[in-house]
Amino acid sequence: MATSMVEYLLSRDIQGAELLEVGGGVGAIQVEMLKGGIARAVNVELSTAYEEAASDLARAEGIEDRIIRRLGDFVEQQDQYETADIVLMNRVICCYPWMEKIMTAAVGKTGRYLALAFPRQRWWVKLGMGLGNRYLAIRGCGFRAFVHPEAAVEEVATRSGLLVRHRANNLIWQAIVFERAA
């Protein structure tokens, strides 16, 4: 689904744009967006596990001076971030129990585009996530995944003046790109 979002965004006039990616991991999407013409990327990541690989990737691509990496909870620290032309959350909403909070924070930082990939609300997806969560609980891990209602995700964005411009899905995931109404 990330490919669908990136291809759509790169087909728009985004030259010189700024990207705010929440939960960007090692930064692969940021690299593609920077190669495609955006000026700068800010990555907000909760886990420190990606930092070394992210630094290595940015250095190997020669773009380390165009990426700013921050550690912390985006929702709790949202006031520390400027509005960005593009806000992107690839497989992030499903990792956060309070969908409305993370969506409201993301919408509040969206200048032009908000791109999301999250699980589809289908019985097989819910079953798989449920089994995965049970396994994690048995292993003593506190992490849980969530299947938030698609309509509720979309409603948070659209009530703030964002319009659906692109939609793609597969068996498990869906991608939606919203654009701020003029």
C-alpha atoms as a PDB file:
ATOM      1  CA  MET A   1       0.000   0.000   0.000  1.00  0.00           C
ATOM      2  CA  ALA A   2       2.953   2.298   0.556  1.00  0.00           C
ATOM      3  CA  THR A   3       3.796   2.058  -3.136  1.00  0.00           C
ATOM      4  CA  SER A   4       0.291   3.159  -4.085  1.00  0.00           C
ATOM      5  CA  MET A   5       0.455   6.202  -1.813  1.00  0.00           C
ATOM      6  CA  VAL A   6       3.948   7.196  -2.946  1.00  0.00           C
ATOM      7  CA  GLU A   7       3.111   6.819  -6.634  1.00  0.00           C
ATOM      8  CA  TYR A   8      -0.015   8.920  -6.243  1.00  0.00           C
ATOM      9  CA  LEU A   9       1.782  11.658  -4.303  1.00  0.00           C
ATOM     10  CA  LEU A  10       4.681  11.738  -6.766  1.00  0.00           C
ATOM     11  CA  SER A  11       2.176  12.219  -9.592  1.00  0.00           C
ATOM     12  CA  ARG A  12       1.023  15.470  -7.954  1.00  0.00           C
ATOM     13  CA  ASP A  13       2.853  18.804  -7.920  1.00  0.00           C
ATOM     14  CA  ILE A  14       4.938  18.241  -4.786  1.00  0.00           C
ATOM     15  CA  GLN A  15       8.274  19.695  -5.860  1.00  0.00           C
ATOM     16  CA  GLY A  16       9.835  21.397  -2.850  1.00  0.00           C
ATOM     17  CA  ALA A  17       7.196  20.062  -0.440  1.00  0.00           C
ATOM     18  CA  GLU A  18       7.869  19.020   3.138  1.00  0.00           C
ATOM     19  CA  LEU A  19       6.928  15.574   4.432  1.00  0.00           C
ATOM     20  CA  LEU A  20       6.064  14.666   8.016  1.00  0.00           C
ATOM     21  CA  GLU A  21       6.052  10.894   8.363  1.00  0.00           C
ATOM     22  CA  VAL A  22       4.784   9.386  11.578  1.00  0.00           C
ATOM     23  CA  GLY A  23       6.250   5.958  12.265  1.00  0.00           C
ATOM     24  CA  GLY A  24       8.568   5.998   9.269  1.00  0.00           C
ATOM     25  CA  GLY A  25      10.820   3.193  10.478  1.00  0.00           C
ATOM     26  CA  VAL A  26      14.106   3.176   8.559  1.00  0.00           C
ATOM     27  CA  GLY A  27      12.855   5.894   6.213  1.00  0.00           C
ATOM     28  CA  ALA A  28      12.363   4.001   2.942  1.00  0.00           C
ATOM     29  CA  ILE A  29       9.300   6.065   2.004  1.00  0.00           C
ATOM     30  CA  GLN A  30      11.131   9.279   2.835  1.00  0.00           C
ATOM     31  CA  VAL A  31      13.976   8.266   0.537  1.00  0.00           C
ATOM     32  CA  GLU A  32      11.560   7.673  -2.354  1.00  0.00           C
ATOM     33  CA  MET A  33       9.755  10.958  -1.723  1.00  0.00           C
ATOM     34  CA  LEU A  34      13.032  12.892  -1.532  1.00  0.00           C
ATOM     35  CA  LYS A  35      14.200  11.303  -4.779  1.00  0.00           C
ATOM     36  CA  GLY A  36      10.838  12.317  -6.254  1.00  0.00           C
ATOM     37  CA  GLY A  37      11.295  15.993  -5.494  1.00  0.00           C
ATOM     38  CA  ILE A  38      10.232  16.868  -1.980  1.00  0.00           C
ATOM     39  CA  ALA A  39      12.646  19.191  -0.213  1.00  0.00           C
ATOM     40  CA  ARG A  40      12.731  17.816   3.304  1.00  0.00           C
ATOM     41  CA  ALA A  41      11.357  15.040   5.490  1.00  0.00           C
ATOM     42  CA  VAL A  42      10.719  14.858   9.208  1.00  0.00           C
ATOM     43  CA  ASN A  43      10.313  11.391  10.701  1.00  0.00           C
ATOM     44  CA  VAL A  44       8.680  10.881  14.093  1.00  0.00           C
ATOM     45  CA  GLU A  45       9.391   7.419  15.414  1.00  0.00           C
ATOM     46  CA  LEU A  46       8.432   5.831  18.704  1.00  0.00           C
ATOM     47  CA  SER A  47      11.066   3.088  18.585  1.00  0.00           C
ATOM     48  CA  THR A  48      14.827   3.571  18.751  1.00  0.00           C
ATOM     49  CA  ALA A  49      15.313   0.240  16.952  1.00  0.00           C
ATOM     50  CA  TYR A  50      15.392   1.880  13.501  1.00  0.00           C
ATOM     51  CA  GLU A  51      17.893   4.660  14.130  1.00  0.00           C
ATOM     52  CA  GLU A  52      21.122   2.981  13.037  1.00  0.00           C
ATOM     53  CA  ALA A  53      19.607   1.485   9.879  1.00  0.00           C
ATOM     54  CA  ALA A  54      17.877   4.798   9.100  1.00  0.00           C
ATOM     55  CA  SER A  55      21.151   6.713   9.390  1.00  0.00           C
ATOM     56  CA  ASP A  56      22.924   4.171   7.192  1.00  0.00           C
ATOM     57  CA  LEU A  57      20.193   4.351   4.526  1.00  0.00           C
ATOM     58  CA  ALA A  58      20.109   8.166   4.447  1.00  0.00           C
ATOM     59  CA  ARG A  59      23.903   8.336   4.253  1.00  0.00           C
ATOM     60  CA  ALA A  60      24.020   5.712   1.475  1.00  0.00           C
ATOM     61  CA  GLU A  61      21.462   7.735  -0.525  1.00  0.00           C
ATOM     62  CA  GLY A  62      23.284  11.009   0.144  1.00  0.00           C
ATOM     63  CA  ILE A  63      20.229  12.668   1.690  1.00  0.00           C
ATOM     64  CA  GLU A  64      21.043  12.690   5.401  1.00  0.00           C
ATOM     65  CA  ASP A  65      21.001  16.499   5.414  1.00  0.00           C
ATOM     66  CA  ARG A  66      17.363  16.512   4.190  1.00  0.00           C
ATOM     67  CA  ILE A  67      15.903  14.196   6.838  1.00  0.00           C
ATOM     68  CA  ILE A  68      15.229  15.136  10.439  1.00  0.00           C
ATOM     69  CA  ARG A  69      14.570  12.208  12.773  1.00  0.00           C
ATOM     70  CA  ARG A  70      12.764  12.640  16.078  1.00  0.00           C
ATOM     71  CA  LEU A  71      11.977  10.070  18.740  1.00  0.00           C
ATOM     72  CA  GLY A  72       8.782  10.172  20.752  1.00  0.00           C
ATOM     73  CA  ASP A  73       5.023   9.864  20.750  1.00  0.00           C
ATOM     74  CA  PHE A  74       3.684  12.022  17.918  1.00  0.00           C
ATOM     75  CA  VAL A  75       0.315  12.526  19.603  1.00  0.00           C
ATOM     76  CA  GLU A  76       1.858  13.651  22.874  1.00  0.00           C
ATOM     77  CA  GLN A  77       4.449  15.868  21.139  1.00  0.00           C
ATOM     78  CA  GLN A  78       2.390  17.175  18.211  1.00  0.00           C
ATOM     79  CA  ASP A  79       2.891  20.803  19.252  1.00  0.00           C
ATOM     80  CA  GLN A  80       6.608  20.393  18.543  1.00  0.00           C
ATOM     81  CA  TYR A  81       5.976  19.884  14.825  1.00  0.00           C
ATOM     82  CA  GLU A  82       5.177  22.383  12.105  1.00  0.00           C
ATOM     83  CA  THR A  83       2.443  21.858   9.563  1.00  0.00           C
ATOM     84  CA  ALA A  84       3.790  19.883   6.604  1.00  0.00           C
ATOM     85  CA  ASP A  85       2.625  19.810   3.004  1.00  0.00           C
ATOM     86  CA  ILE A  86       2.314  16.027   3.284  1.00  0.00           C
ATOM     87  CA  VAL A  87       1.635  13.951   6.392  1.00  0.00           C
ATOM     88  CA  LEU A  88       2.059  10.224   5.933  1.00  0.00           C
ATOM     89  CA  MET A  89       1.220   7.338   8.264  1.00  0.00           C
ATOM     90  CA  ASN A  90       1.933   3.933   6.751  1.00  0.00           C
ATOM     91  CA  ARG A  91       0.628   1.147   9.001  1.00  0.00           C
ATOM     92  CA  VAL A  92       0.603   3.408  12.043  1.00  0.00           C
ATOM     93  CA  ILE A  93      -3.068   3.859  12.947  1.00  0.00           C
ATOM     94  CA  CYS A  94      -3.331   0.128  13.639  1.00  0.00           C
ATOM     95  CA  CYS A  95      -0.591   0.405  16.264  1.00  0.00           C
ATOM     96  CA  TYR A  96      -2.381   3.102  18.233  1.00  0.00           C
ATOM     97  CA  PRO A  97      -5.414   2.340  20.407  1.00  0.00           C
ATOM     98  CA  TRP A  98      -6.895   5.851  20.195  1.00  0.00           C
ATOM     99  CA  MET A  99      -7.554   6.352  16.503  1.00  0.00           C
ATOM    100  CA  GLU A 100      -9.338   9.674  16.941  1.00  0.00           C
ATOM    101  CA  LYS A 101      -6.361  11.166  18.812  1.00  0.00           C
ATOM    102  CA  ILE A 102      -3.727  10.162  16.274  1.00  0.00           C
ATOM    103  CA  MET A 103      -5.918  11.118  13.323  1.00  0.00           C
ATOM    104  CA  THR A 104      -6.760  14.509  14.852  1.00  0.00           C
ATOM    105  CA  ALA A 105      -3.066  15.162  15.453  1.00  0.00           C
ATOM    106  CA  ALA A 106      -2.190  14.158  11.868  1.00  0.00           C
ATOM    107  CA  VAL A 107      -5.005  16.207  10.339  1.00  0.00           C
ATOM    108  CA  GLY A 108      -3.885  19.193  12.398  1.00  0.00           C
ATOM    109  CA  LYS A 109      -0.417  19.028  10.856  1.00  0.00           C
ATOM    110  CA  THR A 110      -1.604  18.429   7.275  1.00  0.00           C
ATOM    111  CA  GLY A 111      -1.042  21.289   4.890  1.00  0.00           C
ATOM    112  CA  ARG A 112      -2.132  19.656   1.632  1.00  0.00           C
ATOM    113  CA  TYR A 113      -2.061  15.840   1.674  1.00  0.00           C
ATOM    114  CA  LEU A 114      -2.691  13.204   4.323  1.00  0.00           C
ATOM    115  CA  ALA A 115      -1.709   9.685   3.243  1.00  0.00           C
ATOM    116  CA  LEU A 116      -2.700   6.653   5.297  1.00  0.00           C
ATOM    117  CA  ALA A 117      -2.356   2.893   5.078  1.00  0.00           C
ATOM    118  CA  PHE A 118      -4.245   0.837   7.644  1.00  0.00           C
ATOM    119  CA  PRO A 119      -5.998  -2.551   7.953  1.00  0.00           C
ATOM    120  CA  ARG A 120      -9.309  -3.073   6.230  1.00  0.00           C
ATOM    121  CA  GLN A 121     -12.295  -3.690   8.466  1.00  0.00           C
ATOM    122  CA  ARG A 122     -12.979  -7.243   7.311  1.00  0.00           C
ATOM    123  CA  TRP A 123     -13.696 -10.342   9.380  1.00  0.00           C
ATOM    124  CA  TRP A 124     -10.511 -12.118   8.267  1.00  0.00           C
ATOM    125  CA  VAL A 125      -8.377  -9.122   9.159  1.00  0.00           C
ATOM    126  CA  LYS A 126      -9.998  -8.846  12.590  1.00  0.00           C
ATOM    127  CA  LEU A 127      -9.518 -12.586  13.133  1.00  0.00           C
ATOM    128  CA  GLY A 128      -5.849 -12.416  12.149  1.00  0.00           C
ATOM    129  CA  MET A 129      -5.198  -9.362  14.339  1.00  0.00           C
ATOM    130  CA  GLY A 130      -7.034 -11.013  17.220  1.00  0.00           C
ATOM    131  CA  LEU A 131      -4.954 -14.175  16.951  1.00  0.00           C
ATOM    132  CA  GLY A 132      -1.789 -12.107  16.670  1.00  0.00           C
ATOM    133  CA  ASN A 133      -2.743 -10.089  19.757  1.00  0.00           C
ATOM    134  CA  ARG A 134      -3.464 -13.282  21.711  1.00  0.00           C
ATOM    135  CA  TYR A 135      -0.048 -14.650  20.747  1.00  0.00           C
ATOM    136  CA  LEU A 136       1.627 -11.410  21.862  1.00  0.00           C
ATOM    137  CA  ALA A 137      -0.236 -11.526  25.184  1.00  0.00           C
ATOM    138  CA  ILE A 138       0.869 -15.118  25.796  1.00  0.00           C
ATOM    139  CA  ARG A 139       4.463 -14.080  25.074  1.00  0.00           C
ATOM    140  CA  GLY A 140       4.143 -11.239  27.606  1.00  0.00           C
ATOM    141  CA  CYS A 141       4.386  -8.468  25.025  1.00  0.00           C
ATOM    142  CA  GLY A 142       2.268  -5.386  25.703  1.00  0.00           C
ATOM    143  CA  PHE A 143       1.924  -4.369  22.040  1.00  0.00           C
ATOM    144  CA  ARG A 144      -1.496  -4.799  20.414  1.00  0.00           C
ATOM    145  CA  ALA A 145      -2.738  -4.136  16.888  1.00  0.00           C
ATOM    146  CA  PHE A 146      -6.110  -2.546  16.155  1.00  0.00           C
ATOM    147  CA  VAL A 147      -8.582  -2.604  13.290  1.00  0.00           C
ATOM    148  CA  HIS A 148     -10.251   0.786  13.496  1.00  0.00           C
ATOM    149  CA  PRO A 149     -13.514   1.408  11.607  1.00  0.00           C
ATOM    150  CA  GLU A 150     -12.775   2.734   8.126  1.00  0.00           C
ATOM    151  CA  ALA A 151     -15.714   5.134   8.242  1.00  0.00           C
ATOM    152  CA  ALA A 152     -14.503   6.637  11.513  1.00  0.00           C
ATOM    153  CA  VAL A 153     -10.976   7.165  10.151  1.00  0.00           C
ATOM    154  CA  GLU A 154     -12.365   8.837   7.058  1.00  0.00           C
ATOM    155  CA  GLU A 155     -14.794  10.966   9.079  1.00  0.00           C
ATOM    156  CA  VAL A 156     -12.010  12.519  11.175  1.00  0.00           C
ATOM    157  CA  ALA A 157     -10.254  13.622   7.988  1.00  0.00           C
ATOM    158  CA  THR A 158     -13.284  14.807   6.046  1.00  0.00           C
ATOM    159  CA  ARG A 159     -14.807  16.848   8.861  1.00  0.00           C
ATOM    160  CA  SER A 160     -11.592  18.880   8.805  1.00  0.00           C
ATOM    161  CA  GLY A 161     -11.933  19.740   5.127  1.00  0.00           C
ATOM    162  CA  LEU A 162      -9.909  16.904   3.619  1.00  0.00           C
ATOM    163  CA  LEU A 163     -11.258  15.143   0.536  1.00  0.00           C
ATOM    164  CA  VAL A 164     -10.497  11.595  -0.603  1.00  0.00           C
ATOM    165  CA  ARG A 165      -8.372  11.778  -3.767  1.00  0.00           C
ATOM    166  CA  HIS A 166      -6.901   8.284  -3.987  1.00  0.00           C
ATOM    167  CA  ARG A 167      -7.903   4.896  -2.650  1.00  0.00           C
ATOM    168  CA  ALA A 168      -6.339   1.456  -3.080  1.00  0.00           C
ATOM    169  CA  ASN A 169      -6.604  -1.820  -1.205  1.00  0.00           C
ATOM    170  CA  ASN A 170      -5.603  -5.417  -1.105  1.00  0.00           C
ATOM    171  CA  LEU A 171      -6.877  -8.296   1.018  1.00  0.00           C
ATOM    172  CA  ILE A 172      -5.582  -6.845   4.299  1.00  0.00           C
ATOM    173  CA  TRP A 173      -4.515  -3.233   3.820  1.00  0.00           C
ATOM    174  CA  GLN A 174      -6.019  -0.088   2.360  1.00  0.00           C
ATOM    175  CA  ALA A 175      -4.454   3.194   1.397  1.00  0.00           C
ATOM    176  CA  ILE A 176      -6.224   6.525   1.285  1.00  0.00           C
ATOM    177  CA  VAL A 177      -4.754   9.863   0.253  1.00  0.00           C
ATOM    178  CA  PHE A 178      -6.741  12.924   1.292  1.00  0.00           C
ATOM    179  CA  GLU A 179      -6.217  16.449  -0.034  1.00  0.00           C
ATOM    180  CA  ARG A 180      -7.124  19.647   1.756  1.00  0.00           C
ATOM    181  CA  ALA A 181     -10.002  21.379   0.003  1.00  0.00           C
ATOM    182  CA  ALA A 182      -9.031  24.723  -1.550  1.00  0.00           C
END
